Amino acid sequence: VRQRIVDRFRELMLLREIALRERDRRLLESVYAPGAAGLARDRAEIARLRSSGRRLDGLRLPVKVFDAYRPGNGSWVVIARVARSPARLVTGSGRQVRATRASAALYRCNLVRRDGSWRILGLVPS
């Protein structure tokens, strides 16, 4: 069960990466549980990108999972290093506006079961 949770978390981060790169707000609904703070934050980032006509070319969100455990309330907690690769902020025609820097942080991620699938409820820097 633990390995399935870890695999699902990696899948969720890949879906989030694609949603941000492709500016797809609807895809975020398969990543986050309703009401998750990260959902609002990522939607706002996508809205800014869309309204400016820009996109993040080359964005990647690599993940290294350190631990996953059940705190006893039916949810799972995943402790992971989530990185954000350098990317190019580009216009619709592909002209670079600026480069974004790489970053990484350790996160405590709460996963809950919603609509038959595990989703992220919280993604908090640890």
N, C-alpha and C. Protein backbone atom coordinates (compact mmCIF):
# COMPACT_ATOMS: atom_id res chain seq x y z
N VAL A 1 0.83 -1.19 0.00
CA VAL A 1 0.00 0.00 0.00
C VAL A 1 0.87 1.25 0.00
N ARG A 2 1.92 1.24 0.81
CA ARG A 2 2.81 2.40 0.87
C ARG A 2 3.39 2.73 -0.50
N GLN A 3 3.85 1.71 -1.23
CA GLN A 3 4.45 1.96 -2.54
C GLN A 3 3.42 2.53 -3.51
N ARG A 4 2.17 2.09 -3.42
CA ARG A 4 1.11 2.65 -4.28
C ARG A 4 0.90 4.13 -3.98
N ILE A 5 0.97 4.49 -2.71
CA ILE A 5 0.81 5.90 -2.32
C ILE A 5 1.98 6.73 -2.87
N VAL A 6 3.18 6.22 -2.72
CA VAL A 6 4.37 6.92 -3.24
C VAL A 6 4.25 7.08 -4.76
N ASP A 7 3.85 6.01 -5.44
CA ASP A 7 3.69 6.09 -6.90
C ASP A 7 2.60 7.10 -7.28
N ARG A 8 1.51 7.10 -6.53
CA ARG A 8 0.42 8.05 -6.79
C ARG A 8 0.89 9.48 -6.57
N PHE A 9 1.66 9.71 -5.52
CA PHE A 9 2.19 11.05 -5.26
C PHE A 9 3.05 11.51 -6.43
N ARG A 10 3.91 10.65 -6.92
CA ARG A 10 4.75 11.00 -8.08
C ARG A 10 3.88 11.32 -9.29
N GLU A 11 2.84 10.53 -9.49
CA GLU A 11 1.90 10.77 -10.59
C GLU A 11 1.20 12.13 -10.42
N LEU A 12 0.79 12.44 -9.21
CA LEU A 12 0.13 13.73 -8.95
C LEU A 12 1.06 14.90 -9.27
N MET A 13 2.32 14.77 -8.91
CA MET A 13 3.27 15.85 -9.19
C MET A 13 3.54 15.97 -10.69
N LEU A 14 3.53 14.85 -11.41
CA LEU A 14 3.67 14.90 -12.86
C LEU A 14 2.46 15.59 -13.49
N LEU A 15 1.26 15.26 -13.02
CA LEU A 15 0.05 15.91 -13.53
C LEU A 15 0.09 17.41 -13.24
N ARG A 16 0.56 17.78 -12.06
CA ARG A 16 0.69 19.20 -11.71
C ARG A 16 1.68 19.89 -12.64
N GLU A 17 2.80 19.24 -12.91
CA GLU A 17 3.80 19.77 -13.83
C GLU A 17 3.19 20.03 -15.20
N ILE A 18 2.46 19.07 -15.72
CA ILE A 18 1.82 19.21 -17.04
C ILE A 18 0.79 20.33 -17.01
N ALA A 19 0.00 20.40 -15.95
CA ALA A 19 -1.02 21.46 -15.84
C ALA A 19 -0.37 22.84 -15.87
N LEU A 20 0.72 23.02 -15.14
CA LEU A 20 1.39 24.32 -15.13
C LEU A 20 2.04 24.62 -16.47
N ARG A 21 2.70 23.63 -17.05
CA ARG A 21 3.39 23.84 -18.33
C ARG A 21 2.40 24.12 -19.46
N GLU A 22 1.26 23.41 -19.44
CA GLU A 22 0.26 23.55 -20.51
C GLU A 22 -0.83 24.57 -20.16
N ARG A 23 -0.75 25.15 -18.96
CA ARG A 23 -1.72 26.14 -18.48
C ARG A 23 -3.14 25.56 -18.47
N ASP A 24 -3.25 24.34 -17.96
CA ASP A 24 -4.51 23.60 -17.96
C ASP A 24 -5.11 23.56 -16.55
N ARG A 25 -6.02 24.48 -16.27
CA ARG A 25 -6.65 24.56 -14.94
C ARG A 25 -7.45 23.31 -14.61
N ARG A 26 -8.10 22.73 -15.59
CA ARG A 26 -8.95 21.56 -15.34
C ARG A 26 -8.15 20.35 -14.88
N LEU A 27 -6.94 20.22 -15.37
CA LEU A 27 -6.09 19.09 -14.98
C LEU A 27 -5.76 19.15 -13.48
N LEU A 28 -5.72 20.35 -12.92
CA LEU A 28 -5.44 20.49 -11.50
C LEU A 28 -6.50 19.82 -10.63
N GLU A 29 -7.72 19.70 -11.14
CA GLU A 29 -8.79 19.07 -10.38
C GLU A 29 -8.51 17.60 -10.09
N SER A 30 -7.66 16.97 -10.90
CA SER A 30 -7.30 15.58 -10.65
C SER A 30 -6.09 15.47 -9.72
N VAL A 31 -5.49 16.61 -9.38
CA VAL A 31 -4.30 16.64 -8.51
C VAL A 31 -4.68 16.97 -7.08
N TYR A 32 -5.52 17.98 -6.92
CA TYR A 32 -5.84 18.51 -5.59
C TYR A 32 -7.23 18.10 -5.13
N ALA A 33 -7.37 17.93 -3.83
CA ALA A 33 -8.69 17.75 -3.22
C ALA A 33 -9.38 19.11 -3.21
N PRO A 34 -10.71 19.14 -3.30
CA PRO A 34 -11.42 20.41 -3.24
C PRO A 34 -11.04 21.20 -1.97
N GLY A 35 -10.80 22.48 -2.14
CA GLY A 35 -10.46 23.34 -1.03
C GLY A 35 -8.99 23.38 -0.67
N ALA A 36 -8.15 22.64 -1.36
CA ALA A 36 -6.71 22.63 -1.07
C ALA A 36 -6.11 23.99 -1.41
N ALA A 37 -5.26 24.51 -0.52
CA ALA A 37 -4.63 25.81 -0.75
C ALA A 37 -3.79 25.81 -2.03
N GLY A 38 -3.14 24.72 -2.31
CA GLY A 38 -2.30 24.63 -3.51
C GLY A 38 -3.11 24.75 -4.79
N LEU A 39 -4.35 24.31 -4.75
CA LEU A 39 -5.23 24.42 -5.92
C LEU A 39 -5.43 25.88 -6.28
N ALA A 40 -5.76 26.71 -5.31
CA ALA A 40 -5.97 28.14 -5.56
C ALA A 40 -4.68 28.80 -6.05
N ARG A 41 -3.56 28.43 -5.45
CA ARG A 41 -2.27 29.01 -5.83
C ARG A 41 -1.91 28.65 -7.27
N ASP A 42 -2.05 27.37 -7.63
CA ASP A 42 -1.71 26.94 -9.00
C ASP A 42 -2.68 27.52 -10.02
N ARG A 43 -3.97 27.62 -9.67
CA ARG A 43 -4.94 28.24 -10.57
C ARG A 43 -4.58 29.70 -10.83
N ALA A 44 -4.15 30.39 -9.79
CA ALA A 44 -3.76 31.80 -9.94
C ALA A 44 -2.53 31.92 -10.85
N GLU A 45 -1.57 31.01 -10.69
CA GLU A 45 -0.39 31.04 -11.54
C GLU A 45 -0.78 30.80 -13.00
N ILE A 46 -1.64 29.84 -13.23
CA ILE A 46 -2.10 29.56 -14.60
C ILE A 46 -2.86 30.76 -15.16
N ALA A 47 -3.70 31.38 -14.35
CA ALA A 47 -4.46 32.56 -14.80
C ALA A 47 -3.50 33.69 -15.20
N ARG A 48 -2.45 33.92 -14.42
CA ARG A 48 -1.46 34.96 -14.76
C ARG A 48 -0.77 34.63 -16.07
N LEU A 49 -0.38 33.37 -16.24
CA LEU A 49 0.28 32.97 -17.48
C LEU A 49 -0.65 33.16 -18.68
N ARG A 50 -1.89 32.71 -18.55
CA ARG A 50 -2.84 32.84 -19.65
C ARG A 50 -3.12 34.29 -20.00
N SER A 51 -3.35 35.12 -18.98
CA SER A 51 -3.71 36.52 -19.24
C SER A 51 -2.55 37.29 -19.88
N SER A 52 -1.32 36.86 -19.60
CA SER A 52 -0.16 37.53 -20.19
C SER A 52 0.23 36.90 -21.53
N GLY A 53 -0.41 35.77 -21.88
CA GLY A 53 -0.07 35.09 -23.13
C GLY A 53 1.28 34.39 -23.07
N ARG A 54 1.71 34.05 -21.85
CA ARG A 54 3.02 33.41 -21.67
C ARG A 54 2.86 31.99 -21.17
N ARG A 55 3.97 31.24 -21.25
CA ARG A 55 3.97 29.87 -20.74
C ARG A 55 5.37 29.55 -20.23
N LEU A 56 5.44 28.48 -19.43
CA LEU A 56 6.71 28.04 -18.84
C LEU A 56 7.28 26.89 -19.66
N ASP A 57 8.20 27.19 -20.52
CA ASP A 57 8.81 26.20 -21.40
C ASP A 57 9.89 25.44 -20.64
N GLY A 58 9.80 24.12 -20.64
CA GLY A 58 10.83 23.29 -20.02
C GLY A 58 10.64 23.04 -18.53
N LEU A 59 9.49 23.43 -17.98
CA LEU A 59 9.25 23.25 -16.55
C LEU A 59 9.18 21.77 -16.20
N ARG A 60 9.88 21.38 -15.14
CA ARG A 60 9.83 20.03 -14.60
C ARG A 60 9.71 20.15 -13.08
N LEU A 61 9.04 19.18 -12.46
CA LEU A 61 8.89 19.14 -11.00
C LEU A 61 9.37 17.79 -10.47
N PRO A 62 10.67 17.56 -10.49
CA PRO A 62 11.17 16.27 -10.00
C PRO A 62 10.93 16.11 -8.50
N VAL A 63 10.69 14.86 -8.10
CA VAL A 63 10.33 14.54 -6.73
C VAL A 63 11.24 13.44 -6.20
N LYS A 64 11.66 13.59 -4.94
CA LYS A 64 12.35 12.50 -4.24
C LYS A 64 11.60 12.27 -2.94
N VAL A 65 11.00 11.10 -2.81
CA VAL A 65 10.21 10.77 -1.62
C VAL A 65 11.12 10.17 -0.56
N PHE A 66 11.02 10.71 0.66
CA PHE A 66 11.81 10.21 1.79
C PHE A 66 11.01 9.30 2.70
N ASP A 67 9.71 9.57 2.83
CA ASP A 67 8.90 8.77 3.74
C ASP A 67 7.43 8.91 3.35
N ALA A 68 6.65 7.91 3.71
CA ALA A 68 5.19 7.95 3.55
C ALA A 68 4.61 7.14 4.69
N TYR A 69 3.63 7.72 5.37
CA TYR A 69 3.03 7.02 6.51
C TYR A 69 1.59 7.46 6.70
N ARG A 70 0.86 6.62 7.43
CA ARG A 70 -0.55 6.91 7.77
C ARG A 70 -0.58 7.51 9.17
N PRO A 71 -1.12 8.73 9.30
CA PRO A 71 -1.20 9.33 10.63
C PRO A 71 -2.36 8.79 11.46
N GLY A 72 -3.18 7.93 10.88
CA GLY A 72 -4.26 7.32 11.64
C GLY A 72 -5.64 7.88 11.36
N ASN A 73 -5.75 8.85 10.49
CA ASN A 73 -7.06 9.45 10.21
C ASN A 73 -7.57 9.10 8.80
N GLY A 74 -7.01 8.05 8.22
CA GLY A 74 -7.45 7.64 6.88
C GLY A 74 -6.69 8.32 5.75
N SER A 75 -5.88 9.31 6.08
CA SER A 75 -5.09 10.00 5.06
C SER A 75 -3.67 9.44 5.05
N TRP A 76 -2.84 9.96 4.17
CA TRP A 76 -1.43 9.61 4.11
C TRP A 76 -0.62 10.89 4.16
N VAL A 77 0.56 10.80 4.73
CA VAL A 77 1.51 11.90 4.72
C VAL A 77 2.73 11.43 3.95
N VAL A 78 3.16 12.26 3.00
CA VAL A 78 4.35 11.97 2.22
C VAL A 78 5.36 13.08 2.50
N ILE A 79 6.56 12.70 2.86
CA ILE A 79 7.65 13.66 3.06
C ILE A 79 8.53 13.54 1.81
N ALA A 80 8.65 14.66 1.10
CA ALA A 80 9.36 14.60 -0.18
C ALA A 80 10.07 15.91 -0.48
N ARG A 81 11.14 15.80 -1.21
CA ARG A 81 11.82 16.97 -1.78
C ARG A 81 11.17 17.20 -3.13
N VAL A 82 10.60 18.37 -3.29
CA VAL A 82 9.97 18.72 -4.57
C VAL A 82 10.79 19.86 -5.16
N ALA A 83 11.28 19.63 -6.35
CA ALA A 83 12.10 20.63 -7.02
C ALA A 83 11.30 21.27 -8.15
N ARG A 84 11.76 22.40 -8.56
CA ARG A 84 11.19 23.09 -9.72
C ARG A 84 12.38 23.45 -10.60
N SER A 85 12.42 22.85 -11.79
CA SER A 85 13.57 23.03 -12.67
C SER A 85 13.63 24.46 -13.19
N PRO A 86 14.80 24.86 -13.70
CA PRO A 86 14.82 26.14 -14.40
C PRO A 86 13.90 26.01 -15.62
N ALA A 87 13.28 27.08 -15.98
CA ALA A 87 12.39 27.07 -17.15
C ALA A 87 12.51 28.42 -17.83
N ARG A 88 11.99 28.47 -19.03
CA ARG A 88 11.98 29.75 -19.76
C ARG A 88 10.54 30.25 -19.80
N LEU A 89 10.33 31.47 -19.35
CA LEU A 89 9.04 32.12 -19.49
C LEU A 89 9.03 32.69 -20.90
N VAL A 90 8.12 32.17 -21.75
CA VAL A 90 8.12 32.56 -23.16
C VAL A 90 6.75 33.08 -23.58
N THR A 91 6.76 33.87 -24.66
CA THR A 91 5.52 34.36 -25.24
C THR A 91 4.89 33.25 -26.08
N GLY A 92 3.69 33.50 -26.59
CA GLY A 92 3.02 32.53 -27.45
C GLY A 92 3.84 32.15 -28.68
N SER A 93 4.67 33.08 -29.16
CA SER A 93 5.50 32.80 -30.34
C SER A 93 6.80 32.11 -29.97
N GLY A 94 7.06 31.94 -28.66
CA GLY A 94 8.27 31.24 -28.23
C GLY A 94 9.42 32.15 -27.86
N ARG A 95 9.22 33.46 -27.93
CA ARG A 95 10.29 34.40 -27.57
C ARG A 95 10.44 34.42 -26.05
N GLN A 96 11.68 34.26 -25.60
CA GLN A 96 11.93 34.22 -24.17
C GLN A 96 11.74 35.61 -23.56
N VAL A 97 10.97 35.66 -22.48
CA VAL A 97 10.78 36.88 -21.72
C VAL A 97 11.83 36.93 -20.60
N ARG A 98 11.96 35.83 -19.91
CA ARG A 98 13.00 35.69 -18.88
C ARG A 98 13.15 34.22 -18.54
N ALA A 99 14.25 33.93 -17.87
CA ALA A 99 14.48 32.57 -17.38
C ALA A 99 14.07 32.54 -15.91
N THR A 100 13.53 31.40 -15.50
CA THR A 100 13.19 31.23 -14.09
C THR A 100 14.23 30.30 -13.47
N ARG A 101 14.53 30.54 -12.22
CA ARG A 101 15.55 29.75 -11.53
C ARG A 101 14.99 28.45 -11.00
N ALA A 102 15.90 27.53 -10.80
CA ALA A 102 15.54 26.26 -10.16
C ALA A 102 15.38 26.50 -8.67
N SER A 103 14.55 25.67 -8.06
CA SER A 103 14.37 25.72 -6.61
C SER A 103 14.01 24.32 -6.12
N ALA A 104 14.14 24.13 -4.84
CA ALA A 104 13.76 22.85 -4.24
C ALA A 104 13.49 23.08 -2.77
N ALA A 105 12.58 22.30 -2.24
CA ALA A 105 12.25 22.39 -0.82
C ALA A 105 11.72 21.04 -0.36
N LEU A 106 11.82 20.84 0.94
CA LEU A 106 11.27 19.65 1.55
C LEU A 106 9.83 19.96 1.94
N TYR A 107 8.90 19.07 1.57
CA TYR A 107 7.49 19.29 1.83
C TYR A 107 6.89 18.14 2.62
N ARG A 108 5.90 18.49 3.40
CA ARG A 108 5.02 17.52 4.07
C ARG A 108 3.71 17.59 3.31
N CYS A 109 3.36 16.51 2.66
CA CYS A 109 2.20 16.49 1.77
C CYS A 109 1.12 15.58 2.34
N ASN A 110 -0.06 16.12 2.48
CA ASN A 110 -1.20 15.34 2.97
C ASN A 110 -2.03 14.87 1.79
N LEU A 111 -2.21 13.55 1.68
CA LEU A 111 -3.03 12.97 0.63
C LEU A 111 -4.31 12.42 1.24
N VAL A 112 -5.42 12.72 0.60
CA VAL A 112 -6.72 12.22 1.06
C VAL A 112 -7.42 11.56 -0.11
N ARG A 113 -8.32 10.67 0.21
CA ARG A 113 -9.08 9.96 -0.81
C ARG A 113 -10.33 10.78 -1.13
N ARG A 114 -10.48 11.17 -2.40
CA ARG A 114 -11.64 11.94 -2.87
C ARG A 114 -12.08 11.37 -4.21
N ASP A 115 -13.36 11.11 -4.32
CA ASP A 115 -13.93 10.59 -5.58
C ASP A 115 -13.20 9.36 -6.07
N GLY A 116 -12.83 8.47 -5.13
CA GLY A 116 -12.19 7.21 -5.49
C GLY A 116 -10.72 7.30 -5.84
N SER A 117 -10.09 8.44 -5.59
CA SER A 117 -8.70 8.63 -5.97
C SER A 117 -7.97 9.44 -4.91
N TRP A 118 -6.68 9.19 -4.75
CA TRP A 118 -5.88 9.97 -3.81
C TRP A 118 -5.54 11.31 -4.42
N ARG A 119 -5.72 12.38 -3.63
CA ARG A 119 -5.44 13.75 -4.08
C ARG A 119 -4.66 14.48 -2.99
N ILE A 120 -4.03 15.56 -3.38
CA ILE A 120 -3.27 16.38 -2.44
C ILE A 120 -4.21 17.35 -1.74
N LEU A 121 -4.20 17.31 -0.43
CA LEU A 121 -4.96 18.27 0.36
C LEU A 121 -4.06 19.39 0.84
N GLY A 122 -2.84 19.03 1.21
CA GLY A 122 -1.89 20.03 1.67
C GLY A 122 -0.50 19.75 1.17
N LEU A 123 0.22 20.79 0.82
CA LEU A 123 1.60 20.70 0.34
C LEU A 123 2.35 21.82 1.08
N VAL A 124 2.90 21.48 2.26
CA VAL A 124 3.44 22.48 3.17
C VAL A 124 4.95 22.33 3.26
N PRO A 125 5.70 23.44 3.06
CA PRO A 125 7.15 23.34 3.25
C PRO A 125 7.46 22.88 4.67
N SER A 126 8.42 22.00 4.77
CA SER A 126 8.72 21.40 6.07
C SER A 126 9.96 22.04 6.67
